[in-house]
């Protein structure tokens, strides 16, 4: 395969990665909307839509395997493909977290909300913002931008801690709120884990650029 054709395949691979990211971002939005607005039909759509996310992940994986098997890429090209293989796993798992929140929305059903939904939507918006920025950093091969996204994970962590502490006070004051509070903690935890997986994507972007994988500022290899 001529170099020009190989570059075309890499570009297609990157476009498919962005398409997967778009599906995942939509799943986060819809699962959060389903919870806030008690929209069970929308929640079911998120659950059904997770199949498309899974299939897209497998299609991209197959593209990567084919490129490695047929072209035996070296150095930076190989790092790009390996990074994509890791990123699609994290994106698929973020989709699973969104699906989990959609299932929780169905579990909650038409129960009256325990508290106004304030911090959970903030967590969802921040996670989506981080996801977009992370994929943009990968496309632009911008290590500094990737590191800035990693730093923003503290914002989501702090929001999760705030939600967790507040819901604990509800449960301590009234045991009848335990089930509803626990479900909301699950929702917040899924969003917190999603943001963590976005930082994984950023670490892979840095790997493509530098050839090193670093976690929390400590070189892994």
C-alpha atoms as a PDB file:
ATOM      1  CA  UNK A   1       0.000   0.000   0.000  1.00  0.00           C
ATOM      2  CA  UNK A   2       1.500   3.379  -0.999  1.00  0.00           C
ATOM      3  CA  UNK A   3       2.118   5.874   1.797  1.00  0.00           C
ATOM      4  CA  UNK A   4      -0.680   8.114   0.522  1.00  0.00           C
ATOM      5  CA  UNK A   5      -3.184   5.268   0.753  1.00  0.00           C
ATOM      6  CA  UNK A   6      -1.960   4.374   4.223  1.00  0.00           C
ATOM      7  CA  UNK A   7      -2.435   7.988   5.364  1.00  0.00           C
ATOM      8  CA  UNK A   8      -5.965   7.844   3.971  1.00  0.00           C
ATOM      9  CA  UNK A   9      -6.704   4.750   6.049  1.00  0.00           C
ATOM     10  CA  UNK A  10      -5.326   6.444   9.164  1.00  0.00           C
ATOM     11  CA  UNK A  11      -7.537   9.458   8.475  1.00  0.00           C
ATOM     12  CA  UNK A  12     -10.564   7.186   8.084  1.00  0.00           C
ATOM     13  CA  UNK A  13      -9.665   5.480  11.347  1.00  0.00           C
ATOM     14  CA  UNK A  14      -9.543   8.844  13.097  1.00  0.00           C
ATOM     15  CA  UNK A  15     -12.903   9.854  11.627  1.00  0.00           C
ATOM     16  CA  UNK A  16     -14.477   6.635  12.859  1.00  0.00           C
ATOM     17  CA  UNK A  17     -13.061   7.301  16.312  1.00  0.00           C
ATOM     18  CA  UNK A  18     -14.703  10.741  16.317  1.00  0.00           C
ATOM     19  CA  UNK A  19     -17.979   9.181  15.161  1.00  0.00           C
ATOM     20  CA  UNK A  20     -17.828   6.785  18.112  1.00  0.00           C
ATOM     21  CA  UNK A  21     -17.111   9.711  20.413  1.00  0.00           C
ATOM     22  CA  UNK A  22     -20.178  11.504  19.082  1.00  0.00           C
ATOM     23  CA  UNK A  23     -22.377   8.479  19.795  1.00  0.00           C
ATOM     24  CA  UNK A  24     -21.008   8.268  23.324  1.00  0.00           C
ATOM     25  CA  UNK A  25     -21.518  11.979  23.993  1.00  0.00           C
ATOM     26  CA  UNK A  26     -25.106  11.675  22.789  1.00  0.00           C
ATOM     27  CA  UNK A  27     -25.654   8.727  25.131  1.00  0.00           C
ATOM     28  CA  UNK A  28     -24.446  10.802  28.098  1.00  0.00           C
ATOM     29  CA  UNK A  29     -26.796  13.644  27.148  1.00  0.00           C
ATOM     30  CA  UNK A  30     -29.811  11.439  26.592  1.00  0.00           C
ATOM     31  CA  UNK A  31     -29.378   9.332  29.710  1.00  0.00           C
ATOM     32  CA  UNK A  32     -29.072  12.496  31.823  1.00  0.00           C
ATOM     33  CA  UNK A  33     -32.123  14.052  30.164  1.00  0.00           C
ATOM     34  CA  UNK A  34     -34.067  10.841  30.690  1.00  0.00           C
ATOM     35  CA  UNK A  35     -33.280  10.939  34.399  1.00  0.00           C
ATOM     36  CA  UNK A  36     -34.065  14.620  34.912  1.00  0.00           C
ATOM     37  CA  UNK A  37     -37.251  14.630  32.850  1.00  0.00           C
ATOM     38  CA  UNK A  38     -38.401  11.123  33.837  1.00  0.00           C
ATOM     39  CA  UNK A  39     -38.492  10.223  30.164  1.00  0.00           C
ATOM     40  CA  UNK A  40     -38.576   6.446  30.180  1.00  0.00           C
ATOM     41  CA  UNK A  41     -38.865   6.184  26.389  1.00  0.00           C
ATOM     42  CA  UNK A  42     -35.667   8.181  26.019  1.00  0.00           C
ATOM     43  CA  UNK A  43     -33.976   5.952  28.595  1.00  0.00           C
ATOM     44  CA  UNK A  44     -34.964   2.892  26.579  1.00  0.00           C
ATOM     45  CA  UNK A  45     -33.545   4.500  23.434  1.00  0.00           C
ATOM     46  CA  UNK A  46     -30.200   4.927  25.199  1.00  0.00           C
ATOM     47  CA  UNK A  47     -30.204   1.267  26.184  1.00  0.00           C
ATOM     48  CA  UNK A  48     -31.027   0.167  22.633  1.00  0.00           C
ATOM     49  CA  UNK A  49     -28.500   2.614  21.187  1.00  0.00           C
ATOM     50  CA  UNK A  50     -25.691   1.031  23.177  1.00  0.00           C
ATOM     51  CA  UNK A  51     -25.630  -1.738  20.572  1.00  0.00           C
ATOM     52  CA  UNK A  52     -24.567   0.795  17.933  1.00  0.00           C
ATOM     53  CA  UNK A  53     -21.760   1.990  20.191  1.00  0.00           C
ATOM     54  CA  UNK A  54     -20.571  -1.578  20.735  1.00  0.00           C
ATOM     55  CA  UNK A  55     -20.705  -2.346  17.016  1.00  0.00           C
ATOM     56  CA  UNK A  56     -18.798   0.809  16.119  1.00  0.00           C
ATOM     57  CA  UNK A  57     -16.106  -0.153  18.627  1.00  0.00           C
ATOM     58  CA  UNK A  58     -15.771  -3.614  17.058  1.00  0.00           C
ATOM     59  CA  UNK A  59     -15.663  -2.172  13.526  1.00  0.00           C
ATOM     60  CA  UNK A  60     -12.844   0.203  14.488  1.00  0.00           C
ATOM     61  CA  UNK A  61     -11.003  -2.616  16.218  1.00  0.00           C
ATOM     62  CA  UNK A  62     -11.190  -4.660  13.030  1.00  0.00           C
ATOM     63  CA  UNK A  63      -9.829  -1.715  11.028  1.00  0.00           C
ATOM     64  CA  UNK A  64      -6.883  -1.455  13.410  1.00  0.00           C
ATOM     65  CA  UNK A  65      -6.137  -5.162  13.228  1.00  0.00           C
ATOM     66  CA  UNK A  66      -6.244  -5.071   9.431  1.00  0.00           C
ATOM     67  CA  UNK A  67      -3.850  -2.130   9.282  1.00  0.00           C
ATOM     68  CA  UNK A  68      -1.391  -3.805  11.634  1.00  0.00           C
ATOM     69  CA  UNK A  69      -1.629  -7.164   9.853  1.00  0.00           C
ATOM     70  CA  UNK A  70      -1.303  -5.868   6.309  1.00  0.00           C
ATOM     71  CA  UNK A  71       0.982  -2.841   6.708  1.00  0.00           C
ATOM     72  CA  UNK A  72       3.182  -3.623   9.700  1.00  0.00           C
ATOM     73  CA  UNK A  73       3.326   0.082  10.638  1.00  0.00           C
ATOM     74  CA  UNK A  74       6.340   1.365  12.492  1.00  0.00           C
ATOM     75  CA  UNK A  75       7.036   3.976  15.162  1.00  0.00           C
ATOM     76  CA  UNK A  76       4.488   6.794  15.369  1.00  0.00           C
ATOM     77  CA  UNK A  77       1.981   5.213  12.980  1.00  0.00           C
ATOM     78  CA  UNK A  78       1.902   2.121  15.155  1.00  0.00           C
ATOM     79  CA  UNK A  79       1.471   4.275  18.255  1.00  0.00           C
ATOM     80  CA  UNK A  80      -1.565   5.916  16.653  1.00  0.00           C
ATOM     81  CA  UNK A  81      -3.188   2.577  15.947  1.00  0.00           C
ATOM     82  CA  UNK A  82      -2.409   1.197  19.401  1.00  0.00           C
ATOM     83  CA  UNK A  83      -3.747   4.381  20.973  1.00  0.00           C
ATOM     84  CA  UNK A  84      -6.988   4.089  19.015  1.00  0.00           C
ATOM     85  CA  UNK A  85      -7.375   0.471  20.126  1.00  0.00           C
ATOM     86  CA  UNK A  86      -7.188   1.635  23.729  1.00  0.00           C
ATOM     87  CA  UNK A  87      -9.384   4.687  23.230  1.00  0.00           C
ATOM     88  CA  UNK A  88     -12.258   2.737  21.741  1.00  0.00           C
ATOM     89  CA  UNK A  89     -12.335   0.516  24.818  1.00  0.00           C
ATOM     90  CA  UNK A  90     -12.662   3.573  27.052  1.00  0.00           C
ATOM     91  CA  UNK A  91     -15.314   5.105  24.794  1.00  0.00           C
ATOM     92  CA  UNK A  92     -17.305   1.880  24.785  1.00  0.00           C
ATOM     93  CA  UNK A  93     -17.139   1.751  28.581  1.00  0.00           C
ATOM     94  CA  UNK A  94     -18.331   5.358  28.842  1.00  0.00           C
ATOM     95  CA  UNK A  95     -21.259   4.264  26.705  1.00  0.00           C
ATOM     96  CA  UNK A  96     -21.878   1.456  29.174  1.00  0.00           C
ATOM     97  CA  UNK A  97     -21.932   3.971  32.023  1.00  0.00           C
ATOM     98  CA  UNK A  98     -24.506   6.036  30.125  1.00  0.00           C
ATOM     99  CA  UNK A  99     -26.564   2.905  29.518  1.00  0.00           C
ATOM    100  CA  UNK A 100     -26.338   2.170  33.247  1.00  0.00           C
ATOM    101  CA  UNK A 101     -27.708   5.606  34.066  1.00  0.00           C
ATOM    102  CA  UNK A 102     -30.551   5.069  31.601  1.00  0.00           C
ATOM    103  CA  UNK A 103     -31.414   1.840  33.409  1.00  0.00           C
ATOM    104  CA  UNK A 104     -31.360   3.714  36.721  1.00  0.00           C
ATOM    105  CA  UNK A 105     -33.723   6.308  35.236  1.00  0.00           C
ATOM    106  CA  UNK A 106     -36.132   3.464  34.480  1.00  0.00           C
ATOM    107  CA  UNK A 107     -35.700   2.064  38.002  1.00  0.00           C
ATOM    108  CA  UNK A 108     -36.548   5.454  39.469  1.00  0.00           C
ATOM    109  CA  UNK A 109     -39.511   5.770  37.141  1.00  0.00           C
ATOM    110  CA  UNK A 110     -42.047   8.308  38.310  1.00  0.00           C
ATOM    111  CA  UNK A 111     -40.816   8.433  41.906  1.00  0.00           C
ATOM    112  CA  UNK A 112     -40.693  12.005  43.206  1.00  0.00           C
ATOM    113  CA  UNK A 113     -37.123  13.383  43.016  1.00  0.00           C
ATOM    114  CA  UNK A 114     -35.248  13.238  46.287  1.00  0.00           C
ATOM    115  CA  UNK A 115     -33.638  16.604  45.574  1.00  0.00           C
ATOM    116  CA  UNK A 116     -33.342  19.031  42.668  1.00  0.00           C
ATOM    117  CA  UNK A 117     -30.985  17.766  39.992  1.00  0.00           C
ATOM    118  CA  UNK A 118     -28.166  20.309  40.056  1.00  0.00           C
ATOM    119  CA  UNK A 119     -24.770  18.674  40.440  1.00  0.00           C
ATOM    120  CA  UNK A 120     -25.512  15.562  38.353  1.00  0.00           C
ATOM    121  CA  UNK A 121     -26.252  17.634  35.210  1.00  0.00           C
ATOM    122  CA  UNK A 122     -23.104  19.635  35.924  1.00  0.00           C
ATOM    123  CA  UNK A 123     -21.112  16.422  36.075  1.00  0.00           C
ATOM    124  CA  UNK A 124     -22.622  15.279  32.784  1.00  0.00           C
ATOM    125  CA  UNK A 125     -21.877  18.575  31.043  1.00  0.00           C
ATOM    126  CA  UNK A 126     -18.308  18.659  32.311  1.00  0.00           C
ATOM    127  CA  UNK A 127     -17.726  15.075  31.267  1.00  0.00           C
ATOM    128  CA  UNK A 128     -19.000  15.805  27.763  1.00  0.00           C
ATOM    129  CA  UNK A 129     -16.855  18.932  27.580  1.00  0.00           C
ATOM    130  CA  UNK A 130     -13.803  16.923  28.607  1.00  0.00           C
ATOM    131  CA  UNK A 131     -14.606  14.214  26.061  1.00  0.00           C
ATOM    132  CA  UNK A 132     -14.852  16.688  23.197  1.00  0.00           C
ATOM    133  CA  UNK A 133     -11.621  18.387  24.254  1.00  0.00           C
ATOM    134  CA  UNK A 134      -9.827  15.052  24.637  1.00  0.00           C
ATOM    135  CA  UNK A 135     -10.709  13.889  21.135  1.00  0.00           C
ATOM    136  CA  UNK A 136      -9.844  17.315  19.733  1.00  0.00           C
ATOM    137  CA  UNK A 137      -6.442  17.101  21.425  1.00  0.00           C
ATOM    138  CA  UNK A 138      -5.909  13.708  19.788  1.00  0.00           C
ATOM    139  CA  UNK A 139      -6.853  14.984  16.339  1.00  0.00           C
ATOM    140  CA  UNK A 140      -4.526  17.970  16.711  1.00  0.00           C
ATOM    141  CA  UNK A 141      -1.803  15.912  18.429  1.00  0.00           C
ATOM    142  CA  UNK A 142      -1.776  18.526  21.202  1.00  0.00           C
ATOM    143  CA  UNK A 143      -0.184  17.119  24.366  1.00  0.00           C
ATOM    144  CA  UNK A 144      -0.647  20.362  26.317  1.00  0.00           C
ATOM    145  CA  UNK A 145      -4.376  20.357  25.594  1.00  0.00           C
ATOM    146  CA  UNK A 146      -4.596  16.707  26.653  1.00  0.00           C
ATOM    147  CA  UNK A 147      -2.889  17.537  29.946  1.00  0.00           C
ATOM    148  CA  UNK A 148      -5.359  20.385  30.554  1.00  0.00           C
ATOM    149  CA  UNK A 149      -8.235  17.945  30.159  1.00  0.00           C
ATOM    150  CA  UNK A 150      -6.639  15.596  32.668  1.00  0.00           C
ATOM    151  CA  UNK A 151      -6.406  18.468  35.160  1.00  0.00           C
ATOM    152  CA  UNK A 152     -10.143  19.116  34.772  1.00  0.00           C
ATOM    153  CA  UNK A 153     -10.954  15.676  36.136  1.00  0.00           C
ATOM    154  CA  UNK A 154     -10.664  17.168  39.628  1.00  0.00           C
ATOM    155  CA  UNK A 155     -13.781  19.238  38.903  1.00  0.00           C
ATOM    156  CA  UNK A 156     -15.856  16.118  38.280  1.00  0.00           C
ATOM    157  CA  UNK A 157     -14.321  14.381  41.297  1.00  0.00           C
ATOM    158  CA  UNK A 158     -15.244  17.314  43.523  1.00  0.00           C
ATOM    159  CA  UNK A 159     -18.808  17.351  42.217  1.00  0.00           C
ATOM    160  CA  UNK A 160     -19.081  13.627  42.899  1.00  0.00           C
ATOM    161  CA  UNK A 161     -17.825  14.085  46.457  1.00  0.00           C
ATOM    162  CA  UNK A 162     -20.371  16.837  46.948  1.00  0.00           C
ATOM    163  CA  UNK A 163     -23.239  14.684  45.659  1.00  0.00           C
ATOM    164  CA  UNK A 164     -22.099  11.731  47.754  1.00  0.00           C
ATOM    165  CA  UNK A 165     -21.879  13.723  50.993  1.00  0.00           C
ATOM    166  CA  UNK A 166     -25.221  15.416  50.440  1.00  0.00           C
ATOM    167  CA  UNK A 167     -27.016  12.148  49.720  1.00  0.00           C
ATOM    168  CA  UNK A 168     -25.495  10.564  52.802  1.00  0.00           C
ATOM    169  CA  UNK A 169     -27.082  13.286  54.908  1.00  0.00           C
ATOM    170  CA  UNK A 170     -30.466  12.489  53.361  1.00  0.00           C
ATOM    171  CA  UNK A 171     -30.076   8.798  54.173  1.00  0.00           C
ATOM    172  CA  UNK A 172     -28.959   9.508  57.741  1.00  0.00           C
ATOM    173  CA  UNK A 173     -31.889  11.849  58.352  1.00  0.00           C
ATOM    174  CA  UNK A 174     -34.543   9.581  56.811  1.00  0.00           C
ATOM    175  CA  UNK A 175     -33.938   5.859  56.144  1.00  0.00           C
ATOM    176  CA  UNK A 176     -36.877   5.862  53.708  1.00  0.00           C
ATOM    177  CA  UNK A 177     -34.732   7.840  51.277  1.00  0.00           C
ATOM    178  CA  UNK A 178     -31.974   5.219  51.135  1.00  0.00           C
ATOM    179  CA  UNK A 179     -33.111   3.539  47.906  1.00  0.00           C
ATOM    180  CA  UNK A 180     -33.556   6.786  45.986  1.00  0.00           C
ATOM    181  CA  UNK A 181     -30.321   8.254  47.341  1.00  0.00           C
ATOM    182  CA  UNK A 182     -28.367   5.109  46.500  1.00  0.00           C
ATOM    183  CA  UNK A 183     -29.573   5.213  42.906  1.00  0.00           C
ATOM    184  CA  UNK A 184     -28.455   8.807  42.528  1.00  0.00           C
ATOM    185  CA  UNK A 185     -25.066   7.887  43.957  1.00  0.00           C
ATOM    186  CA  UNK A 186     -24.819   5.221  41.252  1.00  0.00           C
ATOM    187  CA  UNK A 187     -25.612   7.850  38.619  1.00  0.00           C
ATOM    188  CA  UNK A 188     -22.944  10.210  39.943  1.00  0.00           C
ATOM    189  CA  UNK A 189     -20.430   7.379  40.195  1.00  0.00           C
ATOM    190  CA  UNK A 190     -21.022   6.407  36.565  1.00  0.00           C
ATOM    191  CA  UNK A 191     -20.328   9.980  35.492  1.00  0.00           C
ATOM    192  CA  UNK A 192     -17.227  10.177  37.676  1.00  0.00           C
ATOM    193  CA  UNK A 193     -15.905   6.964  36.127  1.00  0.00           C
ATOM    194  CA  UNK A 194     -16.697   8.292  32.653  1.00  0.00           C
ATOM    195  CA  UNK A 195     -14.534  11.339  33.309  1.00  0.00           C
ATOM    196  CA  UNK A 196     -11.750   9.048  34.518  1.00  0.00           C
ATOM    197  CA  UNK A 197     -11.910   7.189  31.225  1.00  0.00           C
ATOM    198  CA  UNK A 198     -11.635  10.479  29.352  1.00  0.00           C
ATOM    199  CA  UNK A 199      -8.323  11.029  31.138  1.00  0.00           C
ATOM    200  CA  UNK A 200      -7.223   7.619  29.828  1.00  0.00           C
ATOM    201  CA  UNK A 201      -7.888   8.883  26.307  1.00  0.00           C
ATOM    202  CA  UNK A 202      -5.741  11.935  27.025  1.00  0.00           C
ATOM    203  CA  UNK A 203      -2.919   9.753  28.315  1.00  0.00           C
ATOM    204  CA  UNK A 204      -3.011   7.835  25.035  1.00  0.00           C
ATOM    205  CA  UNK A 205      -2.813  11.081  23.081  1.00  0.00           C
ATOM    206  CA  UNK A 206       0.314  11.989  25.024  1.00  0.00           C
ATOM    207  CA  UNK A 207       1.631   8.495  24.251  1.00  0.00           C
ATOM    208  CA  UNK A 208       1.178   9.080  20.509  1.00  0.00           C
ATOM    209  CA  UNK A 209       3.145  12.322  20.714  1.00  0.00           C
ATOM    210  CA  UNK A 210       5.902  11.396  23.163  1.00  0.00           C
ATOM    211  CA  UNK A 211       6.096   7.617  22.943  1.00  0.00           C
ATOM    212  CA  UNK A 212       5.560   7.380  26.695  1.00  0.00           C
ATOM    213  CA  UNK A 213       2.488   6.528  28.756  1.00  0.00           C
ATOM    214  CA  UNK A 214       2.208   8.672  31.837  1.00  0.00           C
ATOM    215  CA  UNK A 215      -0.310   8.508  34.655  1.00  0.00           C
ATOM    216  CA  UNK A 216      -0.635  11.291  37.215  1.00  0.00           C
ATOM    217  CA  UNK A 217       2.722  12.661  36.129  1.00  0.00           C
ATOM    218  CA  UNK A 218       4.615   9.379  36.668  1.00  0.00           C
ATOM    219  CA  UNK A 219       6.079   7.694  33.610  1.00  0.00           C
ATOM    220  CA  UNK A 220       4.866   4.090  33.201  1.00  0.00           C
ATOM    221  CA  UNK A 221       7.282   3.183  30.384  1.00  0.00           C
END
